Structure formats: structure tokens, C-alpha cells
Amino acid sequence: MKNFEFFRNVSIGQYLERDSPVHRLAPVTKYLWLLAVLVPLSIIRSPLAVAFVACATILMALLARVSPVFLLRGFLPVLPLVGIVATMQLLFTWAGDQSMVLVAFGPVSITARELAAILVMSLRLLAMMLGVGLFTSVITEGDTARGIEDLFSPFARFGFPAHALALTIAVAFRFIPIITSELESVVKAQAARGADFGRRRGGPIRKARAYIPLLIPVTLRALERAEALAEAMEARCYSSEGRTRYVEYLGGPGDMLARIGSVLFFVVVMAGESLTGA
């Protein structure tokens, strides 16, 4: 049954209670740092810049007393997807690719440009998962909603549904480990009844096909959870209008320095990207 324990490989959506400077920051400050990490990763192309962001995320994890191994473990479930994308990169040649051919297998060849693109893609995805995993490790479910609401509160006066958006994102984060747990329960139940799931024989394609029939029961159980949550909110007459807070974050010098640091980090990464790309 150890092969079917998916929840232990999911770092996104699991809050780790620690007494660290990062945990004590206001939710909006944590969101600013999340944006300072994810936005550059969506833009930059330099391997050095991507590696710098990944290393900075690991340093922040150490400051937050969160094990980098725990965050890196969340990268394991997406390794098959990375392999598929890398294979597509190699099978379809790039027009105008005049870089050096490193390895050739008949009609398929690996050039320096293709290898660099695969490495950057893998490192970028790894850095993104590190950032999101660290973010969900240092912020509670309630603070997830409060941070989004604080971030978009200036637009609320123009009719922007800041609270509704905050609630939606908070529920989405919460459902990541829940769906993983549901998948683990269904897989273990089927394995106890003799299902193979391609563990004993067959290649990667057979293993992938074995999990396709599980999409329907897992989706149904996720929808049942969502329906139960909606009914519970309706039974309590939940409304996003005129809501108050039990906890208010006043911030302090540490929060202000952290917010300034997020802006400086963003500027440094983008400046480094422009210099290395020039």
C-alpha cells in the first residue's frame, strides 16, 4: 500500500505550524512575495535567473523552518508530465535550430538548444512548485482568504468582488490535499480488491491507463464535497456583503521591510534577466 500513498508527496496545500519570521508576516505580505516569485518565473528565460529564484525560494524555506525536502517532494507527482513534455520537445525539431547536435538516435537528435529548453522548463516548474508549496506551508486557510481580500480591497470600491474571489481561491487551495486524499482512498480500495494499476507489469502507458477509470469516482466525490460545502454555507446564510473580521493584521516594521524586499527582489530578478539575455 506504500506505493499508493499520494498524500505524502503533496506539499501544496499543507500548512506547517512553525514559529518563524515568515509565519508571523501579514497575509498580504506573503502574497506579495508569492507574486514576486511567480511573475518573474512566468517571464524570464535565462537559466541563471530561474536558478536564482529557485535558490532564493529554498533560502526562504529555511528561514521559515520548512524542510526543502518536503517542498521538493511535491515535484515527484509531476515528473511523468515533465517527461512527456521533454519527449515532445525532442520529437518535433525546431525550425532554424543550428545549435550543436549532442546525441543522435537515427532521425531523432538532441541539440544544445533543445537540451537547454528542457532544463529551463524543468527548473522553472520546479521553482514554481517550490514557491507555491512554501506559500501554502506558511499561511493558514483563513489567512489565504484574508490576504487576497486585502490585496484587492482597493478595487472593491469599484465593484470588484474581492471577498468572493478570496473565498474561491482559499477553497481551491484547500481542495488540493482533499482531492489527493480521495484519490488515495479510492486507489487503496481498488487495490484491496485485486486491481493491478500497472504496478506489477506493463510500461508507463499501461500504468497511466490503469488510473483513467478512477477519474469518474474521484470527480464525483470531489463534487459531493463541494456540494456539501455549498449547502453548509447556505444553511448558515453565508453572504459576502458586510462581513467583519475576528482577526485584524496591523502589520509593523517587519512587514513593511518584507514588502519592500519583495519589490526589490522582483526588480533584481528582472534586471538580471535583461542583463543575461542581452
C-alpha atoms as a PDB file:
ATOM      1  CA  MET A   1       0.000   0.000   0.000  1.00  0.00           C
ATOM      2  CA  LYS A   2       3.002   2.292   0.350  1.00  0.00           C
ATOM      3  CA  ASN A   3       3.056   2.796  -3.433  1.00  0.00           C
ATOM      4  CA  PHE A   4      -0.440   4.292  -3.261  1.00  0.00           C
ATOM      5  CA  GLU A   5       0.269   6.920  -0.588  1.00  0.00           C
ATOM      6  CA  PHE A   6      -0.084  10.038  -2.746  1.00  0.00           C
ATOM      7  CA  PHE A   7      -0.772  12.434   0.102  1.00  0.00           C
ATOM      8  CA  ARG A   8       2.774  12.244   1.425  1.00  0.00           C
ATOM      9  CA  ASN A   9       4.069  13.531  -1.943  1.00  0.00           C
ATOM     10  CA  VAL A  10       1.796  16.579  -1.970  1.00  0.00           C
ATOM     11  CA  SER A  11       3.386  19.657  -0.424  1.00  0.00           C
ATOM     12  CA  ILE A  12       0.953  22.184  -1.883  1.00  0.00           C
ATOM     13  CA  GLY A  13      -1.981  22.940   0.390  1.00  0.00           C
ATOM     14  CA  GLN A  14      -0.460  21.642   3.642  1.00  0.00           C
ATOM     15  CA  TYR A  15       0.068  24.229   6.358  1.00  0.00           C
ATOM     16  CA  LEU A  16       3.026  23.625   8.675  1.00  0.00           C
ATOM     17  CA  GLU A  17       2.748  25.378  12.011  1.00  0.00           C
ATOM     18  CA  ARG A  18       6.100  26.913  12.894  1.00  0.00           C
ATOM     19  CA  ASP A  19       7.352  29.834  14.962  1.00  0.00           C
ATOM     20  CA  SER A  20       9.308  31.704  12.298  1.00  0.00           C
ATOM     21  CA  PRO A  21       9.552  35.274  10.990  1.00  0.00           C
ATOM     22  CA  VAL A  22       7.901  34.182   7.752  1.00  0.00           C
ATOM     23  CA  HIS A  23       4.875  32.703   9.524  1.00  0.00           C
ATOM     24  CA  ARG A  24       4.412  35.914  11.514  1.00  0.00           C
ATOM     25  CA  LEU A  25       4.131  38.095   8.412  1.00  0.00           C
ATOM     26  CA  ALA A  26       0.754  39.501   7.398  1.00  0.00           C
ATOM     27  CA  PRO A  27      -1.110  37.511   4.713  1.00  0.00           C
ATOM     28  CA  VAL A  28      -0.889  40.311   2.143  1.00  0.00           C
ATOM     29  CA  THR A  29       2.908  40.379   2.599  1.00  0.00           C
ATOM     30  CA  LYS A  30       3.089  36.658   1.860  1.00  0.00           C
ATOM     31  CA  TYR A  31       1.022  37.199  -1.280  1.00  0.00           C
ATOM     32  CA  LEU A  32       3.385  39.945  -2.424  1.00  0.00           C
ATOM     33  CA  TRP A  33       6.318  37.557  -2.082  1.00  0.00           C
ATOM     34  CA  LEU A  34       4.372  34.859  -3.942  1.00  0.00           C
ATOM     35  CA  LEU A  35       3.803  37.270  -6.823  1.00  0.00           C
ATOM     36  CA  ALA A  36       7.448  38.368  -6.672  1.00  0.00           C
ATOM     37  CA  VAL A  37       8.430  34.734  -7.257  1.00  0.00           C
ATOM     38  CA  LEU A  38       5.786  33.508  -9.723  1.00  0.00           C
ATOM     39  CA  VAL A  39       5.531  36.536 -12.010  1.00  0.00           C
ATOM     40  CA  PRO A  40       9.246  36.579 -12.926  1.00  0.00           C
ATOM     41  CA  LEU A  41       9.211  32.800 -13.402  1.00  0.00           C
ATOM     42  CA  SER A  42       6.456  33.246 -15.983  1.00  0.00           C
ATOM     43  CA  ILE A  43       8.528  35.786 -17.913  1.00  0.00           C
ATOM     44  CA  ILE A  44      12.244  35.115 -17.561  1.00  0.00           C
ATOM     45  CA  ARG A  45      14.084  32.762 -19.909  1.00  0.00           C
ATOM     46  CA  SER A  46      17.609  32.855 -18.549  1.00  0.00           C
ATOM     47  CA  PRO A  47      18.625  29.629 -16.762  1.00  0.00           C
ATOM     48  CA  LEU A  48      20.696  31.665 -14.298  1.00  0.00           C
ATOM     49  CA  ALA A  49      17.723  33.847 -13.383  1.00  0.00           C
ATOM     50  CA  VAL A  50      15.446  30.828 -12.927  1.00  0.00           C
ATOM     51  CA  ALA A  51      18.097  29.101 -10.793  1.00  0.00           C
ATOM     52  CA  PHE A  52      18.481  32.264  -8.711  1.00  0.00           C
ATOM     53  CA  VAL A  53      14.749  32.354  -7.968  1.00  0.00           C
ATOM     54  CA  ALA A  54      14.761  28.642  -7.062  1.00  0.00           C
ATOM     55  CA  CYS A  55      17.728  29.100  -4.689  1.00  0.00           C
ATOM     56  CA  ALA A  56      16.110  32.181  -3.124  1.00  0.00           C
ATOM     57  CA  THR A  57      12.927  30.175  -2.532  1.00  0.00           C
ATOM     58  CA  ILE A  58      14.912  27.444  -0.783  1.00  0.00           C
ATOM     59  CA  LEU A  59      16.608  30.059   1.417  1.00  0.00           C
ATOM     60  CA  MET A  60      13.191  31.481   2.337  1.00  0.00           C
ATOM     61  CA  ALA A  61      12.027  27.952   3.177  1.00  0.00           C
ATOM     62  CA  LEU A  62      14.970  27.573   5.564  1.00  0.00           C
ATOM     63  CA  LEU A  63      14.095  30.924   7.128  1.00  0.00           C
ATOM     64  CA  ALA A  64      10.519  29.681   7.567  1.00  0.00           C
ATOM     65  CA  ARG A  65      11.825  26.441   9.134  1.00  0.00           C
ATOM     66  CA  VAL A  66      10.207  24.397   6.356  1.00  0.00           C
ATOM     67  CA  SER A  67      12.249  21.493   5.052  1.00  0.00           C
ATOM     68  CA  PRO A  68      13.238  21.936   1.368  1.00  0.00           C
ATOM     69  CA  VAL A  69      12.961  18.148   1.051  1.00  0.00           C
ATOM     70  CA  PHE A  70       9.283  18.428   1.952  1.00  0.00           C
ATOM     71  CA  LEU A  71       8.789  21.029  -0.795  1.00  0.00           C
ATOM     72  CA  LEU A  72      10.829  19.099  -3.366  1.00  0.00           C
ATOM     73  CA  ARG A  73       8.736  16.001  -2.662  1.00  0.00           C
ATOM     74  CA  GLY A  74       5.789  17.754  -4.275  1.00  0.00           C
ATOM     75  CA  PHE A  75       7.686  17.731  -7.569  1.00  0.00           C
ATOM     76  CA  LEU A  76       7.574  13.918  -7.781  1.00  0.00           C
ATOM     77  CA  PRO A  77       3.942  13.567  -8.991  1.00  0.00           C
ATOM     78  CA  VAL A  78       4.575  15.871 -11.972  1.00  0.00           C
ATOM     79  CA  LEU A  79       7.731  14.096 -13.158  1.00  0.00           C
ATOM     80  CA  PRO A  80       5.759  11.997 -15.721  1.00  0.00           C
ATOM     81  CA  LEU A  81       4.317  15.219 -17.152  1.00  0.00           C
ATOM     82  CA  VAL A  82       7.805  16.709 -17.399  1.00  0.00           C
ATOM     83  CA  GLY A  83       8.964  13.568 -19.191  1.00  0.00           C
ATOM     84  CA  ILE A  84       6.120  13.789 -21.711  1.00  0.00           C
ATOM     85  CA  VAL A  85       6.825  17.461 -22.459  1.00  0.00           C
ATOM     86  CA  ALA A  86      10.541  16.746 -22.783  1.00  0.00           C
ATOM     87  CA  THR A  87       9.806  13.925 -25.227  1.00  0.00           C
ATOM     88  CA  MET A  88       7.637  16.235 -27.332  1.00  0.00           C
ATOM     89  CA  GLN A  89      10.472  18.758 -27.370  1.00  0.00           C
ATOM     90  CA  LEU A  90      12.814  16.123 -28.782  1.00  0.00           C
ATOM     91  CA  LEU A  91      10.439  14.564 -31.300  1.00  0.00           C
ATOM     92  CA  PHE A  92       9.488  17.814 -33.006  1.00  0.00           C
ATOM     93  CA  THR A  93      12.506  19.638 -34.372  1.00  0.00           C
ATOM     94  CA  TRP A  94      12.760  23.405 -34.065  1.00  0.00           C
ATOM     95  CA  ALA A  95      12.827  25.437 -37.252  1.00  0.00           C
ATOM     96  CA  GLY A  96      16.122  27.255 -37.658  1.00  0.00           C
ATOM     97  CA  ASP A  97      17.863  25.310 -34.883  1.00  0.00           C
ATOM     98  CA  GLN A  98      21.536  25.467 -35.877  1.00  0.00           C
ATOM     99  CA  SER A  99      22.921  24.540 -32.444  1.00  0.00           C
ATOM    100  CA  MET A 100      25.353  21.674 -31.928  1.00  0.00           C
ATOM    101  CA  VAL A 101      23.945  18.153 -32.059  1.00  0.00           C
ATOM    102  CA  LEU A 102      24.807  16.389 -28.813  1.00  0.00           C
ATOM    103  CA  VAL A 103      23.245  12.959 -29.324  1.00  0.00           C
ATOM    104  CA  ALA A 104      21.581  11.388 -32.366  1.00  0.00           C
ATOM    105  CA  PHE A 105      19.341   8.295 -32.482  1.00  0.00           C
ATOM    106  CA  GLY A 106      18.501   7.807 -36.136  1.00  0.00           C
ATOM    107  CA  PRO A 107      16.034  10.549 -37.148  1.00  0.00           C
ATOM    108  CA  VAL A 108      15.824  11.862 -33.576  1.00  0.00           C
ATOM    109  CA  SER A 109      18.584  14.146 -32.354  1.00  0.00           C
ATOM    110  CA  ILE A 110      19.196  16.167 -29.212  1.00  0.00           C
ATOM    111  CA  THR A 111      20.679  19.589 -29.839  1.00  0.00           C
ATOM    112  CA  ALA A 112      22.144  22.012 -27.344  1.00  0.00           C
ATOM    113  CA  ARG A 113      19.173  24.349 -27.779  1.00  0.00           C
ATOM    114  CA  GLU A 114      16.650  21.587 -27.126  1.00  0.00           C
ATOM    115  CA  LEU A 115      18.539  20.390 -24.049  1.00  0.00           C
ATOM    116  CA  ALA A 116      18.714  23.946 -22.677  1.00  0.00           C
ATOM    117  CA  ALA A 117      14.967  24.412 -23.261  1.00  0.00           C
ATOM    118  CA  ILE A 118      14.174  21.166 -21.409  1.00  0.00           C
ATOM    119  CA  LEU A 119      16.407  22.105 -18.482  1.00  0.00           C
ATOM    120  CA  VAL A 120      14.914  25.595 -18.216  1.00  0.00           C
ATOM    121  CA  MET A 121      11.373  24.197 -18.404  1.00  0.00           C
ATOM    122  CA  SER A 122      12.061  21.650 -15.666  1.00  0.00           C
ATOM    123  CA  LEU A 123      13.827  24.185 -13.465  1.00  0.00           C
ATOM    124  CA  ARG A 124      11.045  26.724 -13.984  1.00  0.00           C
ATOM    125  CA  LEU A 125       8.356  24.222 -12.999  1.00  0.00           C
ATOM    126  CA  LEU A 126      10.427  23.141 -10.007  1.00  0.00           C
ATOM    127  CA  ALA A 127      10.844  26.750  -8.840  1.00  0.00           C
ATOM    128  CA  MET A 128       7.117  27.429  -9.260  1.00  0.00           C
ATOM    129  CA  MET A 129       6.167  24.383  -7.215  1.00  0.00           C
ATOM    130  CA  LEU A 130       8.707  25.378  -4.564  1.00  0.00           C
ATOM    131  CA  GLY A 131       7.178  28.858  -4.354  1.00  0.00           C
ATOM    132  CA  VAL A 132       3.569  27.685  -4.193  1.00  0.00           C
ATOM    133  CA  GLY A 133       4.423  24.876  -1.777  1.00  0.00           C
ATOM    134  CA  LEU A 134       6.267  27.271   0.540  1.00  0.00           C
ATOM    135  CA  PHE A 135       3.396  29.752   0.370  1.00  0.00           C
ATOM    136  CA  THR A 136       0.784  27.191   1.388  1.00  0.00           C
ATOM    137  CA  SER A 137       3.111  25.897   4.117  1.00  0.00           C
ATOM    138  CA  VAL A 138       3.312  29.252   5.912  1.00  0.00           C
ATOM    139  CA  ILE A 139      -0.268  30.522   5.545  1.00  0.00           C
ATOM    140  CA  THR A 140      -3.468  29.171   7.053  1.00  0.00           C
ATOM    141  CA  GLU A 141      -6.720  28.689   5.169  1.00  0.00           C
ATOM    142  CA  GLY A 142      -8.289  31.743   6.785  1.00  0.00           C
ATOM    143  CA  ASP A 143      -5.256  33.901   6.049  1.00  0.00           C
ATOM    144  CA  THR A 144      -5.341  32.731   2.429  1.00  0.00           C
ATOM    145  CA  ALA A 145      -8.716  34.412   2.006  1.00  0.00           C
ATOM    146  CA  ARG A 146      -7.793  37.474   4.077  1.00  0.00           C
ATOM    147  CA  GLY A 147      -4.628  38.077   2.075  1.00  0.00           C
ATOM    148  CA  ILE A 148      -6.458  38.030  -1.265  1.00  0.00           C
ATOM    149  CA  GLU A 149      -9.126  40.317   0.124  1.00  0.00           C
ATOM    150  CA  ASP A 150      -6.514  42.771   1.422  1.00  0.00           C
ATOM    151  CA  LEU A 151      -4.638  42.639  -1.872  1.00  0.00           C
ATOM    152  CA  PHE A 152      -7.708  43.537  -3.935  1.00  0.00           C
ATOM    153  CA  SER A 153      -9.503  45.673  -1.356  1.00  0.00           C
ATOM    154  CA  PRO A 154      -8.563  48.940  -3.142  1.00  0.00           C
ATOM    155  CA  PHE A 155     -10.620  47.753  -6.136  1.00  0.00           C
ATOM    156  CA  ALA A 156     -13.640  46.755  -4.011  1.00  0.00           C
ATOM    157  CA  ARG A 157     -14.939  50.315  -4.051  1.00  0.00           C
ATOM    158  CA  PHE A 158     -15.298  49.997  -7.835  1.00  0.00           C
ATOM    159  CA  GLY A 159     -17.433  46.877  -7.525  1.00  0.00           C
ATOM    160  CA  PHE A 160     -14.672  44.262  -7.684  1.00  0.00           C
ATOM    161  CA  PRO A 161     -15.745  41.130  -5.714  1.00  0.00           C
ATOM    162  CA  ALA A 162     -12.628  40.965  -3.545  1.00  0.00           C
ATOM    163  CA  HIS A 163     -14.158  38.830  -0.797  1.00  0.00           C
ATOM    164  CA  ALA A 164     -15.793  36.354  -3.193  1.00  0.00           C
ATOM    165  CA  LEU A 165     -12.505  35.942  -5.089  1.00  0.00           C
ATOM    166  CA  ALA A 166     -10.629  35.447  -1.819  1.00  0.00           C
ATOM    167  CA  LEU A 167     -13.055  32.746  -0.719  1.00  0.00           C
ATOM    168  CA  THR A 168     -12.828  30.968  -4.086  1.00  0.00           C
ATOM    169  CA  ILE A 169      -9.028  30.852  -4.019  1.00  0.00           C
ATOM    170  CA  ALA A 170      -8.961  29.717  -0.390  1.00  0.00           C
ATOM    171  CA  VAL A 171     -11.356  26.843  -1.143  1.00  0.00           C
ATOM    172  CA  ALA A 172      -9.319  25.876  -4.227  1.00  0.00           C
ATOM    173  CA  PHE A 173      -6.142  25.617  -2.135  1.00  0.00           C
ATOM    174  CA  ARG A 174      -7.989  23.597   0.498  1.00  0.00           C
ATOM    175  CA  PHE A 175      -9.343  21.124  -2.049  1.00  0.00           C
ATOM    176  CA  ILE A 176      -5.882  20.153  -3.361  1.00  0.00           C
ATOM    177  CA  PRO A 177      -4.995  17.838  -0.444  1.00  0.00           C
ATOM    178  CA  ILE A 178      -8.638  16.762  -0.118  1.00  0.00           C
ATOM    179  CA  ILE A 179      -8.806  15.503  -3.719  1.00  0.00           C
ATOM    180  CA  THR A 180      -5.422  13.826  -3.290  1.00  0.00           C
ATOM    181  CA  SER A 181      -6.698  12.074  -0.187  1.00  0.00           C
ATOM    182  CA  GLU A 182      -9.832  10.962  -2.035  1.00  0.00           C
ATOM    183  CA  LEU A 183      -7.715   9.565  -4.882  1.00  0.00           C
ATOM    184  CA  GLU A 184      -5.558   7.691  -2.390  1.00  0.00           C
ATOM    185  CA  SER A 185      -8.638   6.191  -0.698  1.00  0.00           C
ATOM    186  CA  VAL A 186     -10.157   5.027  -3.996  1.00  0.00           C
ATOM    187  CA  VAL A 187      -6.865   3.544  -5.234  1.00  0.00           C
ATOM    188  CA  LYS A 188      -6.297   1.627  -1.991  1.00  0.00           C
ATOM    189  CA  ALA A 189      -9.865   0.304  -2.065  1.00  0.00           C
ATOM    190  CA  GLN A 190      -9.469  -0.899  -5.645  1.00  0.00           C
ATOM    191  CA  ALA A 191      -6.045  -2.401  -4.912  1.00  0.00           C
ATOM    192  CA  ALA A 192      -7.518  -4.328  -1.976  1.00  0.00           C
ATOM    193  CA  ARG A 193      -9.986  -5.827  -4.446  1.00  0.00           C
ATOM    194  CA  GLY A 194      -7.179  -7.045  -6.721  1.00  0.00           C
ATOM    195  CA  ALA A 195      -6.737  -4.112  -9.096  1.00  0.00           C
ATOM    196  CA  ASP A 196      -3.254  -4.030 -10.640  1.00  0.00           C
ATOM    197  CA  PHE A 197      -2.828  -0.359 -11.636  1.00  0.00           C
ATOM    198  CA  GLY A 198       0.132  -1.430 -13.714  1.00  0.00           C
ATOM    199  CA  ARG A 199       2.407  -1.845 -10.688  1.00  0.00           C
ATOM    200  CA  ARG A 200       3.322  -5.459 -11.336  1.00  0.00           C
ATOM    201  CA  ARG A 201       3.683  -5.472 -15.108  1.00  0.00           C
ATOM    202  CA  GLY A 202       3.480  -3.190 -18.078  1.00  0.00           C
ATOM    203  CA  GLY A 203       5.131   0.063 -19.055  1.00  0.00           C
ATOM    204  CA  PRO A 204       4.291   3.708 -18.316  1.00  0.00           C
ATOM    205  CA  ILE A 205       1.375   3.718 -20.773  1.00  0.00           C
ATOM    206  CA  ARG A 206      -0.274   0.754 -19.035  1.00  0.00           C
ATOM    207  CA  LYS A 207       0.234   2.399 -15.652  1.00  0.00           C
ATOM    208  CA  ALA A 208      -1.321   5.636 -16.886  1.00  0.00           C
ATOM    209  CA  ARG A 209      -4.302   3.846 -18.445  1.00  0.00           C
ATOM    210  CA  ALA A 210      -4.935   1.993 -15.184  1.00  0.00           C
ATOM    211  CA  TYR A 211      -5.737   5.270 -13.439  1.00  0.00           C
ATOM    212  CA  ILE A 212      -8.149   6.593 -16.090  1.00  0.00           C
ATOM    213  CA  PRO A 213     -11.213   4.711 -14.681  1.00  0.00           C
ATOM    214  CA  LEU A 214     -10.579   6.416 -11.328  1.00  0.00           C
ATOM    215  CA  LEU A 215     -11.303   9.867 -12.742  1.00  0.00           C
ATOM    216  CA  ILE A 216     -15.070   9.408 -12.508  1.00  0.00           C
ATOM    217  CA  PRO A 217     -15.314   8.257  -8.849  1.00  0.00           C
ATOM    218  CA  VAL A 218     -12.741  10.805  -7.686  1.00  0.00           C
ATOM    219  CA  THR A 219     -14.539  13.596  -9.568  1.00  0.00           C
ATOM    220  CA  LEU A 220     -17.895  12.539  -8.122  1.00  0.00           C
ATOM    221  CA  ARG A 221     -16.518  12.510  -4.580  1.00  0.00           C
ATOM    222  CA  ALA A 222     -14.964  15.919  -5.105  1.00  0.00           C
ATOM    223  CA  LEU A 223     -18.302  17.271  -6.373  1.00  0.00           C
ATOM    224  CA  GLU A 224     -20.054  15.754  -3.366  1.00  0.00           C
ATOM    225  CA  ARG A 225     -17.609  17.564  -1.088  1.00  0.00           C
ATOM    226  CA  ALA A 226     -18.188  20.816  -2.932  1.00  0.00           C
ATOM    227  CA  GLU A 227     -21.972  20.380  -2.749  1.00  0.00           C
ATOM    228  CA  ALA A 228     -21.801  19.664   0.991  1.00  0.00           C
ATOM    229  CA  LEU A 229     -19.693  22.796   1.494  1.00  0.00           C
ATOM    230  CA  ALA A 230     -22.157  24.909  -0.505  1.00  0.00           C
ATOM    231  CA  GLU A 231     -25.135  23.551   1.449  1.00  0.00           C
ATOM    232  CA  ALA A 232     -23.369  24.215   4.746  1.00  0.00           C
ATOM    233  CA  MET A 233     -22.691  27.819   3.714  1.00  0.00           C
ATOM    234  CA  GLU A 234     -26.298  28.312   2.599  1.00  0.00           C
ATOM    235  CA  ALA A 235     -27.622  26.794   5.844  1.00  0.00           C
ATOM    236  CA  ARG A 236     -25.587  29.377   7.753  1.00  0.00           C
ATOM    237  CA  CYS A 237     -26.908  32.183   5.498  1.00  0.00           C
ATOM    238  CA  TYR A 238     -23.401  32.985   4.357  1.00  0.00           C
ATOM    239  CA  SER A 239     -23.049  36.234   2.439  1.00  0.00           C
ATOM    240  CA  SER A 240     -20.018  38.166   1.249  1.00  0.00           C
ATOM    241  CA  GLU A 241     -21.652  41.520   1.931  1.00  0.00           C
ATOM    242  CA  GLY A 242     -20.912  43.458   5.095  1.00  0.00           C
ATOM    243  CA  ARG A 243     -18.708  40.853   6.722  1.00  0.00           C
ATOM    244  CA  THR A 244     -16.365  41.725   9.583  1.00  0.00           C
ATOM    245  CA  ARG A 245     -13.201  40.027  10.798  1.00  0.00           C
ATOM    246  CA  TYR A 246     -12.347  38.367  14.054  1.00  0.00           C
ATOM    247  CA  VAL A 247      -8.610  38.943  13.451  1.00  0.00           C
ATOM    248  CA  GLU A 248      -7.114  42.156  12.093  1.00  0.00           C
ATOM    249  CA  TYR A 249      -3.495  42.378  10.969  1.00  0.00           C
ATOM    250  CA  LEU A 250      -1.995  45.744  11.806  1.00  0.00           C
ATOM    251  CA  GLY A 251       1.434  44.956  10.414  1.00  0.00           C
ATOM    252  CA  GLY A 252       4.646  46.510  11.635  1.00  0.00           C
ATOM    253  CA  PRO A 253       8.212  47.397  10.666  1.00  0.00           C
ATOM    254  CA  GLY A 254       8.961  43.775   9.792  1.00  0.00           C
ATOM    255  CA  ASP A 255       6.024  43.601   7.401  1.00  0.00           C
ATOM    256  CA  MET A 256       6.981  46.869   5.755  1.00  0.00           C
ATOM    257  CA  LEU A 257      10.574  45.707   5.253  1.00  0.00           C
ATOM    258  CA  ALA A 258       9.340  42.397   3.834  1.00  0.00           C
ATOM    259  CA  ARG A 259       7.071  44.192   1.358  1.00  0.00           C
ATOM    260  CA  ILE A 260       9.906  46.450   0.246  1.00  0.00           C
ATOM    261  CA  GLY A 261      12.092  43.353  -0.036  1.00  0.00           C
ATOM    262  CA  SER A 262       9.568  41.667  -2.344  1.00  0.00           C
ATOM    263  CA  VAL A 263       9.622  44.656  -4.690  1.00  0.00           C
ATOM    264  CA  LEU A 264      13.429  44.770  -4.663  1.00  0.00           C
ATOM    265  CA  PHE A 265      13.586  41.030  -5.305  1.00  0.00           C
ATOM    266  CA  PHE A 266      11.316  41.404  -8.328  1.00  0.00           C
ATOM    267  CA  VAL A 267      13.415  44.282  -9.678  1.00  0.00           C
ATOM    268  CA  VAL A 268      16.687  42.397  -9.172  1.00  0.00           C
ATOM    269  CA  VAL A 269      15.405  39.272 -10.945  1.00  0.00           C
ATOM    270  CA  MET A 270      14.066  41.216 -13.903  1.00  0.00           C
ATOM    271  CA  ALA A 271      17.247  43.290 -14.115  1.00  0.00           C
ATOM    272  CA  GLY A 272      19.335  40.119 -14.040  1.00  0.00           C
ATOM    273  CA  GLU A 273      17.169  38.647 -16.796  1.00  0.00           C
ATOM    274  CA  SER A 274      17.728  41.722 -19.003  1.00  0.00           C
ATOM    275  CA  LEU A 275      21.492  41.597 -18.411  1.00  0.00           C
ATOM    276  CA  THR A 276      21.914  37.875 -19.059  1.00  0.00           C
ATOM    277  CA  GLY A 277      19.592  37.989 -22.037  1.00  0.00           C
ATOM    278  CA  ALA A 278      21.382  40.902 -23.620  1.00  0.00           C
END
